Structures are given as C-alpha cells and as structure tokens.
C-alpha cells in the first residue's frame, strides 16, 4: 500500500444504493449440494427454490414444536 492516497477527486456515495438487498452466500457440503441439485433438475426448478422450500418447511416444523 502507498503511504498516502489522494481522495480529493473522490465522490461520496457513488456506489451507494439505498434499496440494495445483500444476499449472504451459503456453502453446502458436496453431498448435500449434489442431492439438492439432482432434485432441482428433476423438478425443473432452480436450486435456490428447492433449498428455500425445504428451509421454510423446516422453520414451520420448528415453530410448531415450540
């Protein structure tokens, strides 16, 4: 790194977008990903749809057990 940086021509907020939603990356173990990918392909839907549906179902089960 340089000892000094010149920010005199910088523009505050140039890349800020108020309504941006940050999506966290989720890393699956390879056997889980392989299974879910195959299931998504069989259903003809994106992998994220299968994962979200399964997680929502799991949340419902956990909430019902409270």
C-alpha atoms as a PDB file:
ATOM      1  CA  UNK A   1       0.000   0.000   0.000  1.00  0.00           C
ATOM      2  CA  UNK A   2       1.039   3.542  -0.594  1.00  0.00           C
ATOM      3  CA  UNK A   3       1.798   5.634   2.484  1.00  0.00           C
ATOM      4  CA  UNK A   4      -0.741   8.228   1.243  1.00  0.00           C
ATOM      5  CA  UNK A   5      -3.779   8.142  -1.029  1.00  0.00           C
ATOM      6  CA  UNK A   6      -5.337  11.145  -2.767  1.00  0.00           C
ATOM      7  CA  UNK A   7      -9.119  11.197  -2.297  1.00  0.00           C
ATOM      8  CA  UNK A   8      -9.517  14.820  -3.419  1.00  0.00           C
ATOM      9  CA  UNK A   9     -11.399  13.728  -6.560  1.00  0.00           C
ATOM     10  CA  UNK A  10     -13.435  11.101  -4.750  1.00  0.00           C
ATOM     11  CA  UNK A  11     -17.221  11.167  -4.813  1.00  0.00           C
ATOM     12  CA  UNK A  12     -19.002  10.234  -1.590  1.00  0.00           C
ATOM     13  CA  UNK A  13     -21.807   7.704  -2.061  1.00  0.00           C
ATOM     14  CA  UNK A  14     -21.033   6.990  -5.702  1.00  0.00           C
ATOM     15  CA  UNK A  15     -21.752   3.279  -5.323  1.00  0.00           C
ATOM     16  CA  UNK A  16     -24.344   3.509  -2.534  1.00  0.00           C
ATOM     17  CA  UNK A  17     -27.815   2.250  -3.418  1.00  0.00           C
ATOM     18  CA  UNK A  18     -30.438   2.650  -0.722  1.00  0.00           C
ATOM     19  CA  UNK A  19     -32.628  -0.328  -1.627  1.00  0.00           C
ATOM     20  CA  UNK A  20     -29.937  -2.937  -2.277  1.00  0.00           C
ATOM     21  CA  UNK A  21     -30.505  -6.252  -0.518  1.00  0.00           C
ATOM     22  CA  UNK A  22     -27.380  -8.146   0.484  1.00  0.00           C
ATOM     23  CA  UNK A  23     -27.702 -11.891  -0.042  1.00  0.00           C
ATOM     24  CA  UNK A  24     -25.331 -13.949   2.031  1.00  0.00           C
ATOM     25  CA  UNK A  25     -23.551 -16.819   0.342  1.00  0.00           C
ATOM     26  CA  UNK A  26     -24.368 -20.231   1.766  1.00  0.00           C
ATOM     27  CA  UNK A  27     -21.937 -23.081   1.200  1.00  0.00           C
ATOM     28  CA  UNK A  28     -23.349 -26.602   1.174  1.00  0.00           C
ATOM     29  CA  UNK A  29     -21.444 -29.788   1.749  1.00  0.00           C
ATOM     30  CA  UNK A  30     -20.848 -31.527  -1.561  1.00  0.00           C
ATOM     31  CA  UNK A  31     -23.142 -34.491  -0.884  1.00  0.00           C
ATOM     32  CA  UNK A  32     -25.987 -32.175   0.156  1.00  0.00           C
ATOM     33  CA  UNK A  33     -25.456 -29.971  -2.888  1.00  0.00           C
ATOM     34  CA  UNK A  34     -25.360 -32.980  -5.207  1.00  0.00           C
ATOM     35  CA  UNK A  35     -28.638 -34.308  -3.795  1.00  0.00           C
ATOM     36  CA  UNK A  36     -30.414 -30.949  -3.932  1.00  0.00           C
ATOM     37  CA  UNK A  37     -29.095 -30.167  -7.411  1.00  0.00           C
ATOM     38  CA  UNK A  38     -30.404 -33.504  -8.704  1.00  0.00           C
ATOM     39  CA  UNK A  39     -33.764 -32.871  -7.041  1.00  0.00           C
ATOM     40  CA  UNK A  40     -33.952 -29.375  -8.571  1.00  0.00           C
ATOM     41  CA  UNK A  41     -33.138 -30.760 -12.013  1.00  0.00           C
ATOM     42  CA  UNK A  42     -35.833 -33.443 -11.641  1.00  0.00           C
ATOM     43  CA  UNK A  43     -38.376 -30.763 -10.722  1.00  0.00           C
ATOM     44  CA  UNK A  44     -37.154 -28.366 -13.401  1.00  0.00           C
ATOM     45  CA  UNK A  45     -36.609 -25.527 -10.917  1.00  0.00           C
ATOM     46  CA  UNK A  46     -33.554 -23.577  -9.752  1.00  0.00           C
ATOM     47  CA  UNK A  47     -31.543 -24.986  -6.857  1.00  0.00           C
ATOM     48  CA  UNK A  48     -32.393 -21.959  -4.697  1.00  0.00           C
ATOM     49  CA  UNK A  49     -36.115 -22.747  -4.977  1.00  0.00           C
ATOM     50  CA  UNK A  50     -35.606 -26.265  -3.618  1.00  0.00           C
ATOM     51  CA  UNK A  51     -33.361 -25.047  -0.790  1.00  0.00           C
ATOM     52  CA  UNK A  52     -35.729 -22.232   0.205  1.00  0.00           C
ATOM     53  CA  UNK A  53     -38.764 -24.532   0.142  1.00  0.00           C
ATOM     54  CA  UNK A  54     -37.019 -27.110   2.333  1.00  0.00           C
ATOM     55  CA  UNK A  55     -35.787 -24.471   4.789  1.00  0.00           C
ATOM     56  CA  UNK A  56     -39.234 -22.869   5.030  1.00  0.00           C
ATOM     57  CA  UNK A  57     -40.718 -26.274   5.791  1.00  0.00           C
ATOM     58  CA  UNK A  58     -38.080 -26.866   8.467  1.00  0.00           C
ATOM     59  CA  UNK A  59     -38.847 -23.463  10.013  1.00  0.00           C
ATOM     60  CA  UNK A  60     -42.561 -24.348  10.126  1.00  0.00           C
ATOM     61  CA  UNK A  61     -41.742 -27.597  11.914  1.00  0.00           C
ATOM     62  CA  UNK A  62     -39.518 -25.831  14.457  1.00  0.00           C
ATOM     63  CA  UNK A  63     -42.145 -23.162  15.104  1.00  0.00           C
ATOM     64  CA  UNK A  64     -44.862 -25.785  15.553  1.00  0.00           C
ATOM     65  CA  UNK A  65     -42.709 -27.640  18.100  1.00  0.00           C
ATOM     66  CA  UNK A  66     -42.400 -24.583  20.346  1.00  0.00           C
END
